[in-house]
């Protein structure tokens, strides 16, 4: 399977939060994010990660697109049956760690189109979902917000802008190689 593979030197920059980082208890962070998302009037809200998705859904803030892999380093687990009932469309993608597969790219593109047609989409990843924030930046319209978590530290809200799209393109050119997964 063809993919983009993150080179080792690209890992460090990804540990720095990009966007608004909320270093608060989970419920309070979600509340703060909700207030900011209303102010920003985001056309699409996307969550990437199991814990972030769980925290949003359990606080009645349902993302338009949720990307999960069913694994977390925390003890809290998602109840996937309840989660699946919150979405109109469930898609599946294979995406090994430190990669962005062609299959995942296609699924993310399909999800972004489905949301524009009024669907709520859950993407279940076999592998790792963390790097899928990157292609979402390209697929989502400006003004959208991608929410992800930094393990044990913060909820991060990343507004999609044309500047971010240009910056991420430079990052991809510098820190990813094309190859087989």
N, C-alpha and C. Protein backbone atom coordinates (compact mmCIF):
# COMPACT_ATOMS: atom_id res chain seq x y z
N UNK A 1 0.85 -1.18 0.00
CA UNK A 1 0.00 0.00 0.00
C UNK A 1 0.89 1.24 0.00
N UNK A 2 0.59 2.19 -0.85
CA UNK A 2 1.35 3.43 -0.97
C UNK A 2 0.97 4.39 0.15
N UNK A 3 1.97 5.11 0.67
CA UNK A 3 1.69 6.05 1.76
C UNK A 3 2.75 7.14 1.83
N UNK A 4 2.42 8.14 2.63
CA UNK A 4 3.40 9.14 3.06
C UNK A 4 3.90 8.67 4.42
N UNK A 5 5.21 8.64 4.61
CA UNK A 5 5.79 8.19 5.88
C UNK A 5 6.52 9.36 6.53
N UNK A 6 6.20 9.61 7.79
CA UNK A 6 6.85 10.67 8.56
C UNK A 6 8.29 10.28 8.85
N UNK A 7 9.23 11.16 8.54
CA UNK A 7 10.63 10.88 8.88
C UNK A 7 10.86 11.21 10.35
N UNK A 8 11.87 10.60 10.93
CA UNK A 8 12.12 10.73 12.37
C UNK A 8 12.23 12.20 12.81
N UNK A 9 12.87 13.04 12.02
CA UNK A 9 13.05 14.44 12.41
C UNK A 9 11.74 15.24 12.41
N UNK A 10 10.69 14.67 11.83
CA UNK A 10 9.39 15.34 11.81
C UNK A 10 8.57 15.12 13.07
N UNK A 11 9.01 14.23 13.95
CA UNK A 11 8.23 13.92 15.16
C UNK A 11 8.24 15.07 16.16
N UNK A 12 9.38 15.67 16.39
CA UNK A 12 9.49 16.73 17.41
C UNK A 12 8.56 17.91 17.15
N UNK A 13 8.50 18.43 15.92
CA UNK A 13 7.59 19.56 15.69
C UNK A 13 6.12 19.23 15.98
N UNK A 14 5.74 17.98 15.85
CA UNK A 14 4.35 17.60 16.07
C UNK A 14 3.97 17.54 17.54
N UNK A 15 4.94 17.59 18.42
CA UNK A 15 4.66 17.59 19.86
C UNK A 15 4.28 18.97 20.39
N UNK A 16 4.48 19.98 19.55
CA UNK A 16 4.12 21.35 19.92
C UNK A 16 2.67 21.60 19.49
N UNK A 17 1.82 22.04 20.42
CA UNK A 17 0.42 22.27 20.02
C UNK A 17 0.32 23.38 18.97
N UNK A 18 -0.51 23.14 17.99
CA UNK A 18 -0.75 24.10 16.92
C UNK A 18 -2.22 24.51 17.04
N UNK A 19 -2.48 25.75 17.37
CA UNK A 19 -3.85 26.19 17.58
C UNK A 19 -4.03 26.66 19.01
N UNK A 20 -5.26 26.57 19.49
CA UNK A 20 -5.58 26.96 20.87
C UNK A 20 -5.47 25.73 21.76
N UNK A 21 -4.56 25.75 22.72
CA UNK A 21 -4.39 24.62 23.64
C UNK A 21 -5.07 24.95 24.97
N UNK A 22 -5.93 24.04 25.41
CA UNK A 22 -6.66 24.22 26.66
C UNK A 22 -6.10 23.26 27.70
N UNK A 23 -5.29 23.79 28.60
CA UNK A 23 -4.67 22.99 29.65
C UNK A 23 -5.60 23.02 30.86
N UNK A 24 -6.73 22.36 30.72
CA UNK A 24 -7.77 22.35 31.75
C UNK A 24 -8.28 20.93 31.94
N UNK A 25 -9.02 20.72 33.04
CA UNK A 25 -9.71 19.46 33.25
C UNK A 25 -10.62 19.24 32.04
N UNK A 26 -10.83 17.99 31.67
CA UNK A 26 -11.49 17.65 30.40
C UNK A 26 -12.82 18.37 30.18
N UNK A 27 -13.71 18.32 31.15
CA UNK A 27 -15.03 18.93 30.97
C UNK A 27 -14.92 20.45 30.79
N UNK A 28 -14.04 21.06 31.55
CA UNK A 28 -13.85 22.51 31.44
C UNK A 28 -13.22 22.88 30.09
N UNK A 29 -12.27 22.06 29.63
CA UNK A 29 -11.64 22.31 28.33
C UNK A 29 -12.67 22.23 27.21
N UNK A 30 -13.56 21.25 27.28
CA UNK A 30 -14.61 21.12 26.27
C UNK A 30 -15.53 22.33 26.31
N UNK A 31 -15.88 22.80 27.51
CA UNK A 31 -16.73 23.99 27.65
C UNK A 31 -16.06 25.23 27.06
N UNK A 32 -14.78 25.39 27.32
CA UNK A 32 -14.03 26.53 26.77
C UNK A 32 -13.99 26.43 25.24
N UNK A 33 -13.73 25.21 24.74
CA UNK A 33 -13.71 25.00 23.29
C UNK A 33 -15.08 25.34 22.69
N UNK A 34 -16.14 24.90 23.32
CA UNK A 34 -17.48 25.17 22.82
C UNK A 34 -17.72 26.67 22.67
N UNK A 35 -17.34 27.45 23.69
CA UNK A 35 -17.52 28.91 23.63
C UNK A 35 -16.72 29.51 22.48
N UNK A 36 -15.50 29.06 22.30
CA UNK A 36 -14.66 29.59 21.21
C UNK A 36 -15.22 29.18 19.86
N UNK A 37 -15.71 27.94 19.75
CA UNK A 37 -16.25 27.49 18.46
C UNK A 37 -17.48 28.30 18.06
N UNK A 38 -18.27 28.73 19.05
CA UNK A 38 -19.43 29.59 18.75
C UNK A 38 -18.96 30.95 18.22
N UNK A 39 -17.94 31.50 18.87
CA UNK A 39 -17.41 32.80 18.44
C UNK A 39 -16.85 32.71 17.03
N UNK A 40 -16.10 31.63 16.76
CA UNK A 40 -15.48 31.46 15.44
C UNK A 40 -16.48 31.03 14.38
N UNK A 41 -17.66 30.56 14.79
CA UNK A 41 -18.72 30.13 13.86
C UNK A 41 -18.18 29.13 12.84
N UNK A 42 -17.57 28.07 13.35
CA UNK A 42 -16.95 27.05 12.49
C UNK A 42 -17.98 26.30 11.66
N UNK A 43 -17.78 26.21 10.33
CA UNK A 43 -18.72 25.46 9.51
C UNK A 43 -18.66 23.96 9.76
N UNK A 44 -17.46 23.44 10.11
CA UNK A 44 -17.26 22.01 10.37
C UNK A 44 -16.35 21.86 11.57
N UNK A 45 -16.76 21.00 12.50
CA UNK A 45 -15.91 20.65 13.64
C UNK A 45 -15.54 19.19 13.50
N UNK A 46 -14.25 18.91 13.57
CA UNK A 46 -13.73 17.56 13.42
C UNK A 46 -12.91 17.21 14.64
N UNK A 47 -13.09 16.00 15.16
CA UNK A 47 -12.26 15.53 16.26
C UNK A 47 -11.37 14.40 15.76
N UNK A 48 -10.13 14.40 16.23
CA UNK A 48 -9.19 13.34 15.90
C UNK A 48 -8.65 12.79 17.21
N UNK A 49 -8.98 11.53 17.47
CA UNK A 49 -8.53 10.88 18.69
C UNK A 49 -9.69 10.39 19.51
N UNK A 50 -9.49 9.25 20.16
CA UNK A 50 -10.55 8.61 20.93
C UNK A 50 -10.97 9.42 22.14
N UNK A 51 -10.01 9.87 22.92
CA UNK A 51 -10.34 10.58 24.16
C UNK A 51 -11.01 11.92 23.86
N UNK A 52 -10.49 12.65 22.90
CA UNK A 52 -11.09 13.93 22.52
C UNK A 52 -12.52 13.71 22.03
N UNK A 53 -12.70 12.73 21.17
CA UNK A 53 -14.04 12.44 20.66
C UNK A 53 -14.98 12.06 21.80
N UNK A 54 -14.52 11.19 22.69
CA UNK A 54 -15.32 10.79 23.84
C UNK A 54 -15.71 12.00 24.68
N UNK A 55 -14.75 12.88 24.96
CA UNK A 55 -15.03 14.06 25.78
C UNK A 55 -16.01 15.01 25.10
N UNK A 56 -15.89 15.19 23.81
CA UNK A 56 -16.84 16.07 23.10
C UNK A 56 -18.24 15.46 23.14
N UNK A 57 -18.35 14.20 22.75
CA UNK A 57 -19.66 13.55 22.68
C UNK A 57 -20.31 13.46 24.06
N UNK A 58 -19.52 13.13 25.09
CA UNK A 58 -20.11 12.99 26.42
C UNK A 58 -20.51 14.34 27.01
N UNK A 59 -20.05 15.43 26.42
CA UNK A 59 -20.47 16.78 26.84
C UNK A 59 -21.41 17.40 25.81
N UNK A 60 -22.09 16.55 25.04
CA UNK A 60 -23.11 16.97 24.07
C UNK A 60 -22.60 17.92 22.99
N UNK A 61 -21.36 17.76 22.59
CA UNK A 61 -20.81 18.52 21.47
C UNK A 61 -20.39 17.51 20.41
N UNK A 62 -21.29 17.21 19.51
CA UNK A 62 -21.06 16.17 18.51
C UNK A 62 -20.30 16.74 17.32
N UNK A 63 -19.10 16.21 17.05
CA UNK A 63 -18.35 16.71 15.89
C UNK A 63 -19.01 16.26 14.58
N UNK A 64 -18.76 17.00 13.52
CA UNK A 64 -19.27 16.64 12.20
C UNK A 64 -18.53 15.42 11.66
N UNK A 65 -17.22 15.37 11.93
CA UNK A 65 -16.39 14.23 11.57
C UNK A 65 -15.61 13.85 12.83
N UNK A 66 -15.57 12.56 13.13
CA UNK A 66 -14.76 12.05 14.23
C UNK A 66 -13.86 10.96 13.68
N UNK A 67 -12.58 11.03 14.03
CA UNK A 67 -11.61 10.04 13.57
C UNK A 67 -11.03 9.36 14.81
N UNK A 68 -11.24 8.05 14.91
CA UNK A 68 -10.79 7.30 16.09
C UNK A 68 -10.07 6.03 15.64
N UNK A 69 -9.31 5.43 16.56
CA UNK A 69 -8.68 4.14 16.25
C UNK A 69 -9.01 3.07 17.29
N UNK A 70 -9.83 3.41 18.28
CA UNK A 70 -10.22 2.43 19.28
C UNK A 70 -9.18 2.14 20.33
N UNK A 71 -8.11 2.92 20.34
CA UNK A 71 -7.04 2.71 21.32
C UNK A 71 -6.72 4.03 21.99
N UNK A 72 -6.36 3.94 23.27
CA UNK A 72 -5.93 5.13 24.00
C UNK A 72 -4.95 4.71 25.08
N UNK A 73 -4.07 5.61 25.45
CA UNK A 73 -3.13 5.32 26.53
C UNK A 73 -3.78 5.52 27.89
N UNK A 74 -4.95 6.14 27.89
CA UNK A 74 -5.68 6.34 29.15
C UNK A 74 -6.59 5.16 29.42
N UNK A 75 -7.00 5.03 30.67
CA UNK A 75 -7.86 3.92 31.07
C UNK A 75 -9.28 4.06 30.53
N UNK A 76 -9.73 5.29 30.32
CA UNK A 76 -11.10 5.54 29.85
C UNK A 76 -11.26 4.97 28.44
N UNK A 77 -12.31 4.20 28.25
CA UNK A 77 -12.59 3.60 26.94
C UNK A 77 -13.90 4.15 26.39
N UNK A 78 -13.96 4.23 25.09
CA UNK A 78 -15.20 4.65 24.43
C UNK A 78 -16.17 3.49 24.34
N UNK A 79 -17.45 3.78 24.46
CA UNK A 79 -18.48 2.80 24.18
C UNK A 79 -18.83 2.98 22.70
N UNK A 80 -18.25 2.15 21.86
CA UNK A 80 -18.38 2.34 20.42
C UNK A 80 -19.81 2.20 19.92
N UNK A 81 -20.62 1.39 20.57
CA UNK A 81 -22.02 1.26 20.13
C UNK A 81 -22.75 2.59 20.27
N UNK A 82 -22.59 3.24 21.43
CA UNK A 82 -23.22 4.55 21.62
C UNK A 82 -22.64 5.57 20.65
N UNK A 83 -21.34 5.52 20.44
CA UNK A 83 -20.70 6.46 19.54
C UNK A 83 -21.19 6.28 18.11
N UNK A 84 -21.26 5.04 17.66
CA UNK A 84 -21.71 4.78 16.29
C UNK A 84 -23.13 5.28 16.05
N UNK A 85 -23.97 5.24 17.07
CA UNK A 85 -25.35 5.71 16.92
C UNK A 85 -25.43 7.23 16.75
N UNK A 86 -24.36 7.94 17.04
CA UNK A 86 -24.35 9.39 16.93
C UNK A 86 -24.02 9.88 15.52
N UNK A 87 -23.66 8.97 14.61
CA UNK A 87 -23.22 9.35 13.27
C UNK A 87 -24.08 8.68 12.20
N UNK A 88 -24.27 9.36 11.05
CA UNK A 88 -25.05 8.83 9.93
C UNK A 88 -24.24 7.89 9.05
N UNK A 89 -22.93 8.10 9.03
CA UNK A 89 -22.07 7.37 8.10
C UNK A 89 -20.82 6.92 8.86
N UNK A 90 -20.50 5.64 8.75
CA UNK A 90 -19.29 5.10 9.39
C UNK A 90 -18.39 4.56 8.30
N UNK A 91 -17.16 5.07 8.27
CA UNK A 91 -16.17 4.67 7.28
C UNK A 91 -14.98 4.03 7.98
N UNK A 92 -14.27 3.18 7.25
CA UNK A 92 -13.12 2.48 7.82
C UNK A 92 -11.90 2.71 6.93
N UNK A 93 -10.74 2.87 7.60
CA UNK A 93 -9.50 3.08 6.86
C UNK A 93 -8.35 2.37 7.57
N UNK A 94 -7.40 1.92 6.80
CA UNK A 94 -6.17 1.34 7.35
C UNK A 94 -5.10 2.42 7.27
N UNK A 95 -4.41 2.64 8.40
CA UNK A 95 -3.38 3.67 8.44
C UNK A 95 -2.34 3.30 9.51
N UNK A 96 -1.25 2.62 9.11
CA UNK A 96 -0.23 2.23 10.09
C UNK A 96 0.39 3.44 10.79
N UNK A 97 1.00 3.23 11.97
CA UNK A 97 1.65 4.32 12.70
C UNK A 97 2.68 5.07 11.84
N UNK A 98 2.77 6.37 12.06
CA UNK A 98 3.72 7.27 11.38
C UNK A 98 3.51 7.36 9.88
N UNK A 99 2.28 7.09 9.43
CA UNK A 99 2.00 7.16 8.00
C UNK A 99 0.68 7.88 7.73
N UNK A 100 0.51 8.22 6.47
CA UNK A 100 -0.77 8.67 5.93
C UNK A 100 -0.96 7.87 4.64
N UNK A 101 -1.87 6.91 4.66
CA UNK A 101 -2.04 6.04 3.51
C UNK A 101 -2.94 6.68 2.45
N UNK A 102 -2.78 6.19 1.23
CA UNK A 102 -3.64 6.64 0.14
C UNK A 102 -5.09 6.30 0.47
N UNK A 103 -5.32 5.13 1.07
CA UNK A 103 -6.68 4.75 1.46
C UNK A 103 -7.27 5.75 2.46
N UNK A 104 -6.48 6.12 3.48
CA UNK A 104 -6.96 7.08 4.47
C UNK A 104 -7.26 8.44 3.82
N UNK A 105 -6.42 8.84 2.88
CA UNK A 105 -6.65 10.11 2.17
C UNK A 105 -8.01 10.08 1.46
N UNK A 106 -8.30 8.98 0.79
CA UNK A 106 -9.58 8.86 0.08
C UNK A 106 -10.77 8.89 1.03
N UNK A 107 -10.65 8.20 2.16
CA UNK A 107 -11.74 8.17 3.14
C UNK A 107 -11.97 9.55 3.74
N UNK A 108 -10.88 10.26 4.05
CA UNK A 108 -11.01 11.62 4.61
C UNK A 108 -11.65 12.56 3.60
N UNK A 109 -11.29 12.43 2.34
CA UNK A 109 -11.88 13.25 1.29
C UNK A 109 -13.37 12.97 1.17
N UNK A 110 -13.73 11.68 1.17
CA UNK A 110 -15.13 11.29 1.11
C UNK A 110 -15.90 11.85 2.31
N UNK A 111 -15.31 11.76 3.49
CA UNK A 111 -15.96 12.27 4.70
C UNK A 111 -16.20 13.77 4.61
N UNK A 112 -15.21 14.51 4.09
CA UNK A 112 -15.37 15.97 4.00
C UNK A 112 -16.49 16.34 3.02
N UNK A 113 -16.66 15.56 1.98
CA UNK A 113 -17.75 15.80 1.03
C UNK A 113 -19.09 15.42 1.66
N UNK A 114 -19.13 14.29 2.38
CA UNK A 114 -20.37 13.83 3.02
C UNK A 114 -20.87 14.85 4.03
N UNK A 115 -19.95 15.47 4.78
CA UNK A 115 -20.34 16.47 5.77
C UNK A 115 -20.97 17.68 5.08
N UNK A 116 -20.42 18.08 3.96
CA UNK A 116 -21.00 19.21 3.22
C UNK A 116 -22.41 18.89 2.73
N UNK A 117 -22.73 17.59 2.64
CA UNK A 117 -24.06 17.15 2.23
C UNK A 117 -24.95 16.82 3.43
N UNK A 118 -24.51 17.25 4.64
CA UNK A 118 -25.35 17.11 5.82
C UNK A 118 -25.16 15.86 6.66
N UNK A 119 -24.18 15.04 6.36
CA UNK A 119 -23.94 13.81 7.12
C UNK A 119 -22.99 14.08 8.28
N UNK A 120 -23.12 13.29 9.35
CA UNK A 120 -22.12 13.23 10.42
C UNK A 120 -21.36 11.94 10.21
N UNK A 121 -20.02 12.02 10.21
CA UNK A 121 -19.20 10.89 9.79
C UNK A 121 -18.25 10.45 10.90
N UNK A 122 -18.26 9.15 11.16
CA UNK A 122 -17.30 8.52 12.06
C UNK A 122 -16.34 7.72 11.20
N UNK A 123 -15.05 7.96 11.38
CA UNK A 123 -14.02 7.20 10.67
C UNK A 123 -13.28 6.36 11.71
N UNK A 124 -13.31 5.06 11.51
CA UNK A 124 -12.62 4.12 12.40
C UNK A 124 -11.36 3.65 11.68
N UNK A 125 -10.23 3.93 12.30
CA UNK A 125 -8.93 3.64 11.69
C UNK A 125 -8.35 2.36 12.27
N UNK A 126 -7.92 1.49 11.39
CA UNK A 126 -7.15 0.32 11.79
C UNK A 126 -5.69 0.76 11.72
N UNK A 127 -5.11 1.03 12.87
CA UNK A 127 -3.75 1.56 12.93
C UNK A 127 -3.71 2.77 13.83
N UNK A 128 -3.29 3.88 13.27
CA UNK A 128 -3.13 5.09 14.07
C UNK A 128 -3.73 6.28 13.34
N UNK A 129 -4.48 7.11 14.09
CA UNK A 129 -5.19 8.24 13.48
C UNK A 129 -4.49 9.58 13.64
N UNK A 130 -3.48 9.67 14.49
CA UNK A 130 -2.90 10.96 14.88
C UNK A 130 -2.50 11.86 13.70
N UNK A 131 -1.81 11.31 12.72
CA UNK A 131 -1.32 12.12 11.60
C UNK A 131 -2.42 12.53 10.62
N UNK A 132 -3.61 11.99 10.78
CA UNK A 132 -4.69 12.32 9.84
C UNK A 132 -5.22 13.73 10.02
N UNK A 133 -4.76 14.41 11.06
CA UNK A 133 -5.05 15.84 11.19
C UNK A 133 -4.50 16.57 9.96
N UNK A 134 -3.34 16.14 9.49
CA UNK A 134 -2.65 16.85 8.39
C UNK A 134 -3.49 16.89 7.11
N UNK A 135 -3.94 15.75 6.57
CA UNK A 135 -4.77 15.86 5.35
C UNK A 135 -6.12 16.54 5.60
N UNK A 136 -6.65 16.41 6.81
CA UNK A 136 -7.91 17.10 7.10
C UNK A 136 -7.78 18.60 6.91
N UNK A 137 -6.62 19.14 7.21
CA UNK A 137 -6.38 20.58 7.02
C UNK A 137 -6.62 20.96 5.56
N UNK A 138 -6.21 20.09 4.65
CA UNK A 138 -6.39 20.38 3.22
C UNK A 138 -7.83 20.15 2.76
N UNK A 139 -8.50 19.15 3.32
CA UNK A 139 -9.84 18.80 2.85
C UNK A 139 -10.95 19.69 3.42
N UNK A 140 -10.75 20.25 4.60
CA UNK A 140 -11.81 21.03 5.24
C UNK A 140 -11.77 22.49 4.78
N UNK A 141 -12.93 23.12 4.69
CA UNK A 141 -12.95 24.53 4.30
C UNK A 141 -12.36 25.41 5.41
N UNK A 142 -11.80 26.53 4.98
CA UNK A 142 -11.28 27.50 5.95
C UNK A 142 -12.40 27.88 6.93
N UNK A 143 -12.00 28.07 8.17
CA UNK A 143 -12.96 28.38 9.23
C UNK A 143 -13.36 27.16 10.03
N UNK A 144 -13.12 25.98 9.48
CA UNK A 144 -13.41 24.74 10.21
C UNK A 144 -12.42 24.62 11.37
N UNK A 145 -12.77 23.77 12.33
CA UNK A 145 -11.89 23.55 13.48
C UNK A 145 -11.64 22.05 13.63
N UNK A 146 -10.37 21.71 13.79
CA UNK A 146 -9.97 20.33 14.08
C UNK A 146 -9.57 20.30 15.56
N UNK A 147 -10.16 19.37 16.31
CA UNK A 147 -9.87 19.25 17.73
C UNK A 147 -9.09 17.95 17.93
N UNK A 148 -7.97 18.05 18.61
CA UNK A 148 -7.19 16.85 18.92
C UNK A 148 -6.62 17.00 20.32
N UNK A 149 -6.03 15.94 20.82
CA UNK A 149 -5.50 15.98 22.17
C UNK A 149 -4.00 15.78 22.20
N UNK A 150 -3.38 16.41 23.19
CA UNK A 150 -2.00 16.11 23.53
C UNK A 150 -2.07 15.22 24.76
N UNK A 151 -1.53 14.03 24.67
CA UNK A 151 -1.66 13.03 25.74
C UNK A 151 -1.40 13.63 27.11
N UNK A 152 -2.38 13.47 27.97
CA UNK A 152 -2.30 13.88 29.39
C UNK A 152 -2.04 15.36 29.61
N UNK A 153 -2.18 16.20 28.58
CA UNK A 153 -1.87 17.62 28.81
C UNK A 153 -2.97 18.58 28.38
N UNK A 154 -3.46 18.47 27.15
CA UNK A 154 -4.35 19.52 26.65
C UNK A 154 -5.28 19.04 25.55
N UNK A 155 -6.37 19.75 25.42
CA UNK A 155 -7.24 19.66 24.26
C UNK A 155 -6.81 20.81 23.36
N UNK A 156 -6.61 20.54 22.08
CA UNK A 156 -6.14 21.56 21.15
C UNK A 156 -7.18 21.78 20.05
N UNK A 157 -7.55 23.03 19.83
CA UNK A 157 -8.48 23.41 18.76
C UNK A 157 -7.68 24.14 17.69
N UNK A 158 -7.69 23.57 16.50
CA UNK A 158 -6.89 24.07 15.39
C UNK A 158 -7.81 24.65 14.31
N UNK A 159 -7.91 25.99 14.23
CA UNK A 159 -8.72 26.59 13.17
C UNK A 159 -8.02 26.42 11.80
N UNK A 160 -8.78 26.00 10.82
CA UNK A 160 -8.23 25.83 9.47
C UNK A 160 -8.25 27.18 8.75
N UNK A 161 -7.08 27.60 8.29
CA UNK A 161 -6.94 28.86 7.57
C UNK A 161 -6.10 28.62 6.31
N UNK A 162 -6.12 29.57 5.41
CA UNK A 162 -5.27 29.44 4.21
C UNK A 162 -3.79 29.47 4.60
N UNK A 163 -3.44 30.25 5.62
CA UNK A 163 -2.05 30.28 6.09
C UNK A 163 -1.64 28.91 6.63
N UNK A 164 -2.53 28.27 7.41
CA UNK A 164 -2.23 26.93 7.94
C UNK A 164 -2.04 25.94 6.81
N UNK A 165 -2.89 26.00 5.79
CA UNK A 165 -2.77 25.09 4.66
C UNK A 165 -1.40 25.24 3.98
N UNK A 166 -0.94 26.47 3.80
CA UNK A 166 0.37 26.70 3.19
C UNK A 166 1.50 26.21 4.09
N UNK A 167 1.37 26.45 5.39
CA UNK A 167 2.40 26.02 6.34
C UNK A 167 2.50 24.50 6.41
N UNK A 168 1.36 23.83 6.42
CA UNK A 168 1.35 22.37 6.49
C UNK A 168 1.90 21.76 5.21
N UNK A 169 1.65 22.40 4.09
CA UNK A 169 2.22 21.92 2.82
C UNK A 169 3.75 21.92 2.90
N UNK A 170 4.32 22.98 3.45
CA UNK A 170 5.78 23.04 3.64
C UNK A 170 6.25 21.94 4.58
N UNK A 171 5.49 21.70 5.66
CA UNK A 171 5.83 20.66 6.61
C UNK A 171 5.84 19.28 5.92
N UNK A 172 4.82 19.00 5.14
CA UNK A 172 4.71 17.72 4.44
C UNK A 172 5.89 17.54 3.49
N UNK A 173 6.23 18.58 2.75
CA UNK A 173 7.36 18.50 1.82
C UNK A 173 8.67 18.20 2.53
N UNK A 174 8.83 18.75 3.73
CA UNK A 174 10.09 18.59 4.46
C UNK A 174 10.17 17.29 5.26
N UNK A 175 9.05 16.84 5.82
CA UNK A 175 9.12 15.76 6.81
C UNK A 175 8.43 14.45 6.41
N UNK A 176 7.96 14.35 5.18
CA UNK A 176 7.35 13.10 4.74
C UNK A 176 8.03 12.59 3.48
N UNK A 177 8.11 11.28 3.34
CA UNK A 177 8.61 10.64 2.12
C UNK A 177 7.51 9.73 1.60
N UNK A 178 7.50 9.52 0.29
CA UNK A 178 6.53 8.64 -0.33
C UNK A 178 7.14 7.24 -0.39
N UNK A 179 6.34 6.24 -0.02
CA UNK A 179 6.85 4.87 -0.06
C UNK A 179 5.75 3.86 0.18
N UNK A 180 6.15 2.63 0.35
CA UNK A 180 5.24 1.55 0.67
C UNK A 180 5.06 1.45 2.19
N UNK A 181 3.87 1.08 2.61
CA UNK A 181 3.61 0.89 4.05
C UNK A 181 3.78 -0.57 4.41
